[in-house]
Amino acid sequence: MQEESNAAPVIRRLTILQMLSIGMLSGGYAAMQSNWGQLITNSVNSLTVASSALTLGLLMLVPRLAEALAPILVAYISDNRRQGQGRRMPLIRNLGLLGLIAFAAIWWVPGIFSKMLLVCVIAIATGGVQVMAGALQLEISTDYRERTKVFAIASLGNGLIAWLAPMLLGLGIGQAANASQVPPEQMAYSALVSALVFAGILLWCTRTVPEPQFPAVSRQPRISFWRHLALVLKHARMWQLAIISGLLSFGFSVTAMLTYYLNFHNLFAGDAQKAMGTIGIFGSAWSISGLLAIIPLLFFAKFLDKRQLMLGSMLLMTIGLLIRFFCYQPAMPYLQLLPLVLISVGMVCFYLVGTSILADLCDEDDLRHDRRAEAMHYWAYFLPIKLMTGLASLAVAWILGIVAYDAEMPADQLAAALTKMKWLELIVPLIGITLAGFVLVKFRHSQSASCEVRRQIDERNQLRES
């Protein structure tokens, strides 16, 4: 029975280049937003000084609404698209190019309303492309183990784009200390070059990545927005997985912010110049170890179940937390690299395997309701993660108040506050890991069950074709 289930894939194996292209699609807009977003905001804010408070508030609200509503609306449109060359690629290409045009034009158009309109277009394109590229990763493979490989290799493509975006920005800034010192004309030309580069990458990726499941999906009926949303929101197993990931996101977002304060005071005695270079090295080590995490993940994914991989990742993060508690040694600041690498590898592996499981859950939903909704599942899955990450900022503010932290307080009081902060930095994520582990133990997921679901879907599709 196991051999029959594994013999059911209906598409050819994906190439490494195709997997990298998927990651570049999903990471391109995120990289541009993280590197250029604040510069765009500053460009718009410079024109709002003379505006009334009400006008300014409305102008700031509209892009936020567009950014919040765009992913769910684009997810519905994409999931229910039945004509043309596919559900994802035509929309990714068209919406992506529209966003890049707006990104290049925003530096040239005059007037606050014109700029805010283009900001809305960029927000819609960013959210839409990310959710469709994520859905494409969920549906691109029907093989249980290859799905984990797809997400692992795609994360490498995501990392390549994350490296390219700041490099393009650096070329635009040149020798200036920061972007605010660069003439607007130079920034406009730099943005134009970046948009052209990303447009080339976008067009190349959309020609490289296939949509193998579209012929079968095109025969499924369309449904209304509210029914489509309701069916996804009723998917209890998807919410179990989202809660697991959200709890970890909360705990480790809290500890990441608290670690900055602890490193700044415990390792560098509040010396900003000394801390800047070393913390930069820590950030580079975090990014590099996250990229290299796909090596052990691909190795262990060959013979371990996905739940076992997630539990192993959580164990790795727990070990890193416990080690870091004892690594705040001013004489050996680079001792922090050991727990940092362990936590980074554990987190990357955890989230990659989690999204691979989400792809299996989309199959379960397809078998139950006879319609595929990867884009809406992708949006719903990451909603609790985003909310919990946002709540982490409030939690850190509350913790700083609890420990009575003040950088200007006397040394003995500061030491006492940092000691409390150090314990909370350990306890909060451990609580998140414990709760997530409890839910994960109750979460039933296996290769045999997933392959059986996939086999039944393939048989149904073949009968429908005949």
Foldseek 3Di string as FASTA:
>chain_A
DLVVLQPDWDDDADDLVLLLLLLLQQQQLVLQCVQCVVVLVVVLVVVCPPPDPVVVVVLVVLLVVLLVPLLLVLLQQLQQDQDDQHSQLVCLLVLLLQLLVLQLCLLPDDDNVSNSVSSSSNSNSNSNSNLSSLLCLLQLTLHLLVSLVSLLSSVLSSLVSSVVSVVLVCVLCDPDPDPVPHDSVSVSVSSNVSSVVSSVSSVVSSVRRHRVCSVLQSPFHRDDSVVLLVLLVPLVLLVLLLLLLLLLLLLVLLLVVLVVVLCCCLQVVVDPVVVVVVVVVLVVLLSVLLSVLSVVLSVPSVPDWLLVQLVVLLVLLLVLLVQCLPQSHNVCVCSNSVSSSSNSSSSSSNVSSSSSVLSLSQLVSCLVPVGGSSSSSSVVSCPSNVVSSVVSVVVNVVLCVVLVDDPPDDPVSNVSSSVSSSVSSSPSSVVSSVVSVVSSVVNDDGSSVSSVSSNVVSVVSVVVVD
